[in-house]
């Protein structure tokens, strides 16, 4: 019912490179590899080793945000473009809010206009709906 963990002091002297050694060890032990290393992930997959990519797992459990959705966030800093404010969700997702620069440090109600998924993560673009009134909790886990 539990998971057994074994610490090994094993080397594969004829194999060069850490990734190749990890793949050889996983093959020998009939094990799986848990990693956030993109190259190791690809090498192991090509060798038929089962992989759990931690980044993919994190993305899979992030809340889904759709255009048109409303949320309350705290503007943390100014954005790259004039007038923009930036907020964050608990999972680190950046929310860019148009016309919110002057509301730094304040809670604002926003409406999502688009969501961009990149290799570096997800960005949410939104527009101001107004100042949040008497809100104590952030929706969708926005950072305080």
N, C-alpha and C. Protein backbone atom coordinates (compact mmCIF):
# COMPACT_ATOMS: atom_id res chain seq x y z
N UNK A 1 0.82 -1.21 0.00
CA UNK A 1 0.00 0.00 0.00
C UNK A 1 0.86 1.26 0.00
N UNK A 2 2.15 1.13 0.28
CA UNK A 2 3.03 2.29 0.30
C UNK A 2 3.98 2.28 -0.87
N UNK A 3 4.81 3.27 -0.93
CA UNK A 3 5.82 3.38 -1.98
C UNK A 3 7.16 3.10 -1.33
N UNK A 4 7.91 2.18 -1.91
CA UNK A 4 9.24 1.91 -1.35
C UNK A 4 10.25 2.83 -2.03
N UNK A 5 11.14 3.35 -1.22
CA UNK A 5 12.19 4.24 -1.73
C UNK A 5 13.53 3.61 -1.40
N UNK A 6 14.40 3.60 -2.38
CA UNK A 6 15.71 3.00 -2.22
C UNK A 6 16.76 4.02 -2.65
N UNK A 7 17.76 4.23 -1.81
CA UNK A 7 18.87 5.12 -2.16
C UNK A 7 20.00 4.26 -2.71
N UNK A 8 20.43 4.56 -3.91
CA UNK A 8 21.43 3.75 -4.58
C UNK A 8 22.75 4.49 -4.72
N UNK A 9 23.82 3.75 -4.56
CA UNK A 9 25.16 4.27 -4.84
C UNK A 9 25.70 3.48 -6.02
N UNK A 10 25.05 3.66 -7.14
CA UNK A 10 25.35 2.85 -8.32
C UNK A 10 25.77 3.78 -9.46
N UNK A 11 26.76 3.33 -10.20
CA UNK A 11 27.22 4.12 -11.34
C UNK A 11 27.22 3.24 -12.58
N UNK A 12 27.21 3.86 -13.71
CA UNK A 12 27.33 3.19 -14.99
C UNK A 12 28.54 3.80 -15.69
N UNK A 13 29.75 3.33 -15.33
CA UNK A 13 30.97 3.99 -15.80
C UNK A 13 31.13 4.05 -17.32
N UNK A 14 30.51 3.11 -18.03
CA UNK A 14 30.66 3.10 -19.49
C UNK A 14 29.70 4.07 -20.17
N UNK A 15 28.76 4.60 -19.41
CA UNK A 15 27.76 5.51 -19.98
C UNK A 15 28.15 6.93 -19.62
N UNK A 16 28.17 7.79 -20.62
CA UNK A 16 28.51 9.20 -20.42
C UNK A 16 27.24 10.03 -20.25
N UNK A 17 27.27 11.00 -19.38
CA UNK A 17 26.16 11.93 -19.20
C UNK A 17 25.17 11.46 -18.15
N UNK A 18 24.76 12.38 -17.33
CA UNK A 18 23.84 12.08 -16.22
C UNK A 18 22.49 11.59 -16.74
N UNK A 19 21.96 12.23 -17.78
CA UNK A 19 20.65 11.83 -18.30
C UNK A 19 20.68 10.37 -18.77
N UNK A 20 21.70 10.00 -19.51
CA UNK A 20 21.82 8.63 -20.01
C UNK A 20 21.95 7.64 -18.86
N UNK A 21 22.67 8.03 -17.80
CA UNK A 21 22.82 7.16 -16.63
C UNK A 21 21.48 6.98 -15.91
N UNK A 22 20.70 8.06 -15.80
CA UNK A 22 19.38 7.96 -15.17
C UNK A 22 18.45 7.05 -15.96
N UNK A 23 18.51 7.16 -17.27
CA UNK A 23 17.68 6.31 -18.14
C UNK A 23 18.10 4.85 -17.97
N UNK A 24 19.41 4.59 -17.94
CA UNK A 24 19.91 3.22 -17.76
C UNK A 24 19.46 2.65 -16.41
N UNK A 25 19.54 3.46 -15.37
CA UNK A 25 19.11 3.02 -14.04
C UNK A 25 17.61 2.72 -14.01
N UNK A 26 16.82 3.60 -14.61
CA UNK A 26 15.37 3.38 -14.65
C UNK A 26 15.05 2.10 -15.42
N UNK A 27 15.77 1.85 -16.50
CA UNK A 27 15.54 0.63 -17.29
C UNK A 27 15.91 -0.61 -16.46
N UNK A 28 17.07 -0.56 -15.80
CA UNK A 28 17.54 -1.70 -15.00
C UNK A 28 16.59 -2.01 -13.84
N UNK A 29 16.10 -0.98 -13.18
CA UNK A 29 15.24 -1.15 -12.00
C UNK A 29 13.76 -1.23 -12.36
N UNK A 30 13.45 -1.12 -13.67
CA UNK A 30 12.06 -1.07 -14.14
C UNK A 30 11.30 0.05 -13.42
N UNK A 31 11.99 1.18 -13.31
CA UNK A 31 11.44 2.33 -12.59
C UNK A 31 10.94 3.42 -13.53
N UNK A 32 10.42 4.45 -12.92
CA UNK A 32 9.93 5.63 -13.65
C UNK A 32 10.80 6.81 -13.24
N UNK A 33 10.79 7.84 -14.07
CA UNK A 33 11.56 9.05 -13.77
C UNK A 33 10.59 10.20 -13.55
N UNK A 34 10.80 10.91 -12.44
CA UNK A 34 10.04 12.13 -12.15
C UNK A 34 11.02 13.28 -12.31
N UNK A 35 10.69 14.23 -13.19
CA UNK A 35 11.65 15.29 -13.50
C UNK A 35 10.94 16.56 -13.96
N UNK A 36 11.67 17.66 -13.90
CA UNK A 36 11.21 18.89 -14.56
C UNK A 36 12.20 19.28 -15.65
N UNK A 37 13.12 18.38 -15.97
CA UNK A 37 14.15 18.62 -16.98
C UNK A 37 13.62 18.21 -18.35
N UNK A 38 13.48 19.18 -19.24
CA UNK A 38 12.90 18.95 -20.56
C UNK A 38 13.70 17.93 -21.37
N UNK A 39 15.04 18.07 -21.38
CA UNK A 39 15.87 17.17 -22.17
C UNK A 39 15.82 15.74 -21.65
N UNK A 40 15.90 15.57 -20.32
CA UNK A 40 15.80 14.23 -19.73
C UNK A 40 14.45 13.61 -20.07
N UNK A 41 13.42 14.41 -20.01
CA UNK A 41 12.07 13.95 -20.35
C UNK A 41 12.05 13.36 -21.77
N UNK A 42 12.59 14.10 -22.73
CA UNK A 42 12.57 13.65 -24.13
C UNK A 42 13.44 12.41 -24.34
N UNK A 43 14.64 12.41 -23.76
CA UNK A 43 15.55 11.27 -23.91
C UNK A 43 14.91 10.00 -23.33
N UNK A 44 14.34 10.10 -22.15
CA UNK A 44 13.73 8.94 -21.50
C UNK A 44 12.51 8.45 -22.28
N UNK A 45 11.70 9.38 -22.77
CA UNK A 45 10.53 8.99 -23.57
C UNK A 45 10.95 8.21 -24.80
N UNK A 46 11.99 8.69 -25.48
CA UNK A 46 12.49 8.00 -26.68
C UNK A 46 13.01 6.60 -26.36
N UNK A 47 13.47 6.41 -25.12
CA UNK A 47 13.99 5.11 -24.70
C UNK A 47 12.89 4.21 -24.12
N UNK A 48 11.65 4.71 -24.10
CA UNK A 48 10.54 3.90 -23.61
C UNK A 48 10.39 3.88 -22.10
N UNK A 49 11.03 4.83 -21.41
CA UNK A 49 10.92 4.92 -19.95
C UNK A 49 9.72 5.80 -19.61
N UNK A 50 8.94 5.37 -18.64
CA UNK A 50 7.79 6.18 -18.22
C UNK A 50 8.28 7.39 -17.44
N UNK A 51 7.66 8.55 -17.74
CA UNK A 51 8.08 9.84 -17.19
C UNK A 51 6.90 10.54 -16.55
N UNK A 52 7.15 11.21 -15.43
CA UNK A 52 6.19 12.18 -14.90
C UNK A 52 6.91 13.52 -14.94
N UNK A 53 6.44 14.41 -15.80
CA UNK A 53 7.02 15.74 -15.91
C UNK A 53 6.31 16.64 -14.90
N UNK A 54 7.06 17.13 -13.92
CA UNK A 54 6.48 17.94 -12.85
C UNK A 54 5.84 19.22 -13.39
N UNK A 55 6.44 19.82 -14.43
CA UNK A 55 5.85 21.04 -15.02
C UNK A 55 4.49 20.75 -15.64
N UNK A 56 4.37 19.62 -16.34
CA UNK A 56 3.09 19.25 -16.95
C UNK A 56 2.05 18.97 -15.87
N UNK A 57 2.47 18.33 -14.78
CA UNK A 57 1.56 18.07 -13.67
C UNK A 57 1.06 19.39 -13.08
N UNK A 58 1.97 20.33 -12.86
CA UNK A 58 1.58 21.63 -12.30
C UNK A 58 0.60 22.35 -13.22
N UNK A 59 0.84 22.31 -14.52
CA UNK A 59 -0.08 22.95 -15.47
C UNK A 59 -1.44 22.27 -15.48
N UNK A 60 -1.45 20.96 -15.28
CA UNK A 60 -2.71 20.21 -15.32
C UNK A 60 -3.63 20.55 -14.15
N UNK A 61 -3.05 20.94 -13.02
CA UNK A 61 -3.88 21.22 -11.84
C UNK A 61 -4.16 22.72 -11.65
N UNK A 62 -3.66 23.55 -12.55
CA UNK A 62 -3.98 24.98 -12.46
C UNK A 62 -5.45 25.19 -12.79
N UNK A 63 -6.07 26.15 -12.11
CA UNK A 63 -7.49 26.41 -12.42
C UNK A 63 -7.64 26.92 -13.85
N UNK A 64 -8.72 26.50 -14.49
CA UNK A 64 -9.00 26.94 -15.85
C UNK A 64 -9.58 28.35 -15.79
N UNK A 65 -9.03 29.24 -16.59
CA UNK A 65 -9.52 30.61 -16.68
C UNK A 65 -9.91 30.87 -18.12
N UNK A 66 -11.12 31.37 -18.32
CA UNK A 66 -11.63 31.59 -19.67
C UNK A 66 -11.92 33.06 -19.92
N UNK A 67 -11.79 33.52 -21.18
CA UNK A 67 -12.18 34.89 -21.51
C UNK A 67 -13.63 35.15 -21.10
N UNK A 68 -13.85 36.34 -20.54
CA UNK A 68 -15.18 36.72 -20.07
C UNK A 68 -15.37 36.48 -18.58
N UNK A 69 -14.49 35.67 -17.99
CA UNK A 69 -14.58 35.38 -16.56
C UNK A 69 -14.15 36.60 -15.75
N UNK A 70 -14.80 36.80 -14.61
CA UNK A 70 -14.46 37.91 -13.71
C UNK A 70 -13.71 37.38 -12.51
N UNK A 71 -12.83 38.20 -11.97
CA UNK A 71 -12.11 37.85 -10.75
C UNK A 71 -11.66 39.12 -10.05
N UNK A 72 -11.30 38.97 -8.80
CA UNK A 72 -10.78 40.08 -8.01
C UNK A 72 -9.32 39.81 -7.72
N UNK A 73 -8.46 40.79 -8.02
CA UNK A 73 -7.02 40.61 -7.83
C UNK A 73 -6.43 41.86 -7.18
N UNK A 74 -5.23 41.71 -6.65
CA UNK A 74 -4.51 42.84 -6.08
C UNK A 74 -3.41 43.24 -7.05
N UNK A 75 -3.42 44.51 -7.46
CA UNK A 75 -2.39 45.01 -8.38
C UNK A 75 -1.09 45.16 -7.59
N UNK A 76 -0.07 44.45 -8.03
CA UNK A 76 1.22 44.41 -7.32
C UNK A 76 2.20 45.44 -7.86
N UNK A 77 2.23 45.58 -9.18
CA UNK A 77 3.21 46.49 -9.79
C UNK A 77 2.69 46.94 -11.15
N UNK A 78 3.44 47.88 -11.76
CA UNK A 78 3.05 48.33 -13.10
C UNK A 78 3.52 47.32 -14.14
N UNK A 79 2.82 47.31 -15.28
CA UNK A 79 3.17 46.40 -16.37
C UNK A 79 4.17 47.02 -17.32
N UNK A 80 4.47 46.30 -18.40
CA UNK A 80 5.44 46.78 -19.39
C UNK A 80 4.89 47.91 -20.24
N UNK A 81 3.62 47.84 -20.56
CA UNK A 81 3.00 48.85 -21.41
C UNK A 81 2.39 49.95 -20.53
N UNK A 82 2.31 51.19 -21.05
CA UNK A 82 1.75 52.30 -20.27
C UNK A 82 0.34 51.98 -19.76
N UNK A 83 0.12 52.24 -18.49
CA UNK A 83 -1.20 52.08 -17.89
C UNK A 83 -1.49 50.69 -17.35
N UNK A 84 -0.66 49.71 -17.69
CA UNK A 84 -0.93 48.34 -17.24
C UNK A 84 -0.54 48.14 -15.78
N UNK A 85 -1.32 47.30 -15.10
CA UNK A 85 -0.98 46.82 -13.77
C UNK A 85 -0.80 45.31 -13.84
N UNK A 86 -0.06 44.76 -12.87
CA UNK A 86 0.19 43.32 -12.86
C UNK A 86 -0.22 42.74 -11.52
N UNK A 87 -0.91 41.60 -11.58
CA UNK A 87 -1.29 40.83 -10.40
C UNK A 87 -0.85 39.39 -10.64
N UNK A 88 -0.94 38.54 -9.61
CA UNK A 88 -0.54 37.14 -9.73
C UNK A 88 -1.55 36.23 -9.04
N UNK A 89 -1.75 35.04 -9.59
CA UNK A 89 -2.49 34.00 -8.90
C UNK A 89 -1.53 33.26 -7.98
N UNK A 90 -2.05 32.46 -7.06
CA UNK A 90 -1.20 31.70 -6.13
C UNK A 90 -0.23 30.78 -6.85
N UNK A 91 -0.61 30.28 -8.02
CA UNK A 91 0.27 29.37 -8.75
C UNK A 91 1.36 30.10 -9.54
N UNK A 92 1.42 31.43 -9.40
CA UNK A 92 2.45 32.21 -10.09
C UNK A 92 2.01 32.77 -11.43
N UNK A 93 0.81 32.44 -11.86
CA UNK A 93 0.31 32.95 -13.14
C UNK A 93 0.20 34.46 -13.09
N UNK A 94 0.80 35.12 -14.09
CA UNK A 94 0.75 36.58 -14.16
C UNK A 94 -0.55 37.03 -14.81
N UNK A 95 -1.16 38.05 -14.21
CA UNK A 95 -2.37 38.65 -14.77
C UNK A 95 -2.04 40.09 -15.13
N UNK A 96 -2.11 40.42 -16.41
CA UNK A 96 -1.87 41.78 -16.89
C UNK A 96 -3.23 42.46 -16.98
N UNK A 97 -3.35 43.62 -16.32
CA UNK A 97 -4.63 44.33 -16.26
C UNK A 97 -4.49 45.69 -16.93
N UNK A 98 -5.23 45.91 -18.03
CA UNK A 98 -5.21 47.20 -18.71
C UNK A 98 -5.80 48.28 -17.81
N UNK A 99 -5.21 49.47 -17.86
CA UNK A 99 -5.69 50.65 -17.13
C UNK A 99 -5.73 50.45 -15.62
N UNK A 100 -4.77 49.69 -15.07
CA UNK A 100 -4.77 49.43 -13.62
C UNK A 100 -3.50 49.89 -12.92
N UNK A 101 -2.60 50.55 -13.65
CA UNK A 101 -1.32 50.95 -13.06
C UNK A 101 -1.52 51.82 -11.82
N UNK A 102 -2.48 52.72 -11.86
CA UNK A 102 -2.67 53.66 -10.75
C UNK A 102 -3.30 53.00 -9.52
N UNK A 103 -3.68 51.73 -9.63
CA UNK A 103 -4.31 51.03 -8.51
C UNK A 103 -3.36 50.08 -7.79
N UNK A 104 -2.05 50.33 -7.93
CA UNK A 104 -1.06 49.49 -7.25
C UNK A 104 -1.38 49.37 -5.77
N UNK A 105 -1.34 48.13 -5.26
CA UNK A 105 -1.62 47.88 -3.84
C UNK A 105 -3.10 47.76 -3.52
N UNK A 106 -3.96 47.90 -4.51
CA UNK A 106 -5.41 47.85 -4.27
C UNK A 106 -6.04 46.63 -4.93
N UNK A 107 -7.18 46.22 -4.37
CA UNK A 107 -7.98 45.16 -4.97
C UNK A 107 -8.84 45.74 -6.07
N UNK A 108 -8.86 45.06 -7.20
CA UNK A 108 -9.68 45.52 -8.32
C UNK A 108 -10.45 44.33 -8.90
N UNK A 109 -11.61 44.62 -9.46
CA UNK A 109 -12.38 43.63 -10.20
C UNK A 109 -11.96 43.71 -11.65
N UNK A 110 -11.67 42.56 -12.25
CA UNK A 110 -11.23 42.53 -13.65
C UNK A 110 -12.05 41.49 -14.42
N UNK A 111 -12.02 41.65 -15.74
CA UNK A 111 -12.63 40.67 -16.63
C UNK A 111 -11.56 40.16 -17.57
N UNK A 112 -11.43 38.84 -17.67
CA UNK A 112 -10.41 38.21 -18.51
C UNK A 112 -10.76 38.45 -19.98
N UNK A 113 -9.76 38.93 -20.73
CA UNK A 113 -9.96 39.13 -22.17
C UNK A 113 -9.31 38.02 -22.99
N UNK A 114 -8.17 37.50 -22.52
CA UNK A 114 -7.52 36.39 -23.22
C UNK A 114 -6.55 35.68 -22.29
N UNK A 115 -6.20 34.46 -22.66
CA UNK A 115 -5.25 33.65 -21.90
C UNK A 115 -4.20 33.15 -22.89
N UNK A 116 -2.94 33.35 -22.54
CA UNK A 116 -1.84 32.95 -23.41
C UNK A 116 -1.02 31.87 -22.71
N UNK A 117 -0.91 30.70 -23.32
CA UNK A 117 -0.09 29.62 -22.78
C UNK A 117 1.23 29.62 -23.54
N UNK A 118 2.33 29.77 -22.81
CA UNK A 118 3.66 29.74 -23.43
C UNK A 118 4.49 28.64 -22.78
N UNK A 119 5.67 28.39 -23.32
CA UNK A 119 6.56 27.40 -22.70
C UNK A 119 7.00 27.85 -21.31
N UNK A 120 6.99 29.15 -21.07
CA UNK A 120 7.38 29.68 -19.77
C UNK A 120 6.24 29.67 -18.77
N UNK A 121 5.03 29.38 -19.21
CA UNK A 121 3.88 29.37 -18.32
C UNK A 121 2.68 30.04 -18.96
N UNK A 122 1.75 30.43 -18.13
CA UNK A 122 0.49 30.99 -18.61
C UNK A 122 0.41 32.45 -18.21
N UNK A 123 -0.13 33.28 -19.10
CA UNK A 123 -0.38 34.69 -18.80
C UNK A 123 -1.85 34.96 -19.07
N UNK A 124 -2.45 35.74 -18.17
CA UNK A 124 -3.85 36.12 -18.33
C UNK A 124 -3.90 37.61 -18.59
N UNK A 125 -4.63 38.01 -19.62
CA UNK A 125 -4.82 39.42 -19.94
C UNK A 125 -6.25 39.79 -19.57
N UNK A 126 -6.40 40.97 -18.97
CA UNK A 126 -7.73 41.37 -18.50
C UNK A 126 -7.88 42.87 -18.57
N UNK A 127 -9.11 43.31 -18.34
CA UNK A 127 -9.40 44.75 -18.29
C UNK A 127 -10.12 45.07 -17.00
N UNK A 128 -9.94 46.29 -16.56
CA UNK A 128 -10.56 46.77 -15.32
C UNK A 128 -12.08 46.78 -15.43
N UNK A 129 -12.72 46.35 -14.35
CA UNK A 129 -14.17 46.52 -14.23
C UNK A 129 -14.47 47.56 -13.16
N UNK A 130 -13.54 47.72 -12.20
CA UNK A 130 -13.72 48.70 -11.14
C UNK A 130 -12.97 48.29 -9.90
N UNK A 131 -12.99 49.17 -8.90
CA UNK A 131 -12.38 48.85 -7.61
C UNK A 131 -13.23 47.82 -6.90
N UNK A 132 -12.58 46.89 -6.22
CA UNK A 132 -13.31 45.87 -5.47
C UNK A 132 -13.90 46.50 -4.22
N UNK A 133 -15.15 46.22 -3.95
CA UNK A 133 -15.84 46.79 -2.80
C UNK A 133 -15.98 45.74 -1.70
N UNK A 134 -15.40 46.02 -0.53
CA UNK A 134 -15.56 45.17 0.65
C UNK A 134 -15.25 43.70 0.38
N UNK A 135 -14.23 43.44 -0.39
CA UNK A 135 -13.85 42.05 -0.65
C UNK A 135 -12.68 41.70 0.26
N UNK A 136 -12.80 40.58 0.95
CA UNK A 136 -11.73 40.15 1.83
C UNK A 136 -10.94 38.98 1.24
N UNK A 137 -11.58 38.21 0.37
CA UNK A 137 -10.93 37.05 -0.22
C UNK A 137 -10.74 37.30 -1.71
N UNK A 138 -9.65 36.78 -2.24
CA UNK A 138 -9.41 36.89 -3.67
C UNK A 138 -10.05 35.69 -4.35
N UNK A 139 -10.68 35.91 -5.48
CA UNK A 139 -11.20 34.78 -6.23
C UNK A 139 -10.07 34.14 -7.01
N UNK A 140 -10.19 32.87 -7.27
CA UNK A 140 -9.19 32.08 -7.99
C UNK A 140 -7.82 32.13 -7.31
N UNK A 141 -7.77 32.39 -6.03
CA UNK A 141 -6.53 32.31 -5.28
C UNK A 141 -5.52 33.38 -5.60
N UNK A 142 -5.95 34.57 -5.94
CA UNK A 142 -5.01 35.64 -6.26
C UNK A 142 -4.16 35.97 -5.05
N UNK A 143 -2.91 36.36 -5.28
CA UNK A 143 -1.98 36.65 -4.19
C UNK A 143 -2.34 37.94 -3.48
N UNK A 144 -2.02 37.96 -2.20
CA UNK A 144 -2.22 39.20 -1.43
C UNK A 144 -0.94 39.99 -1.39
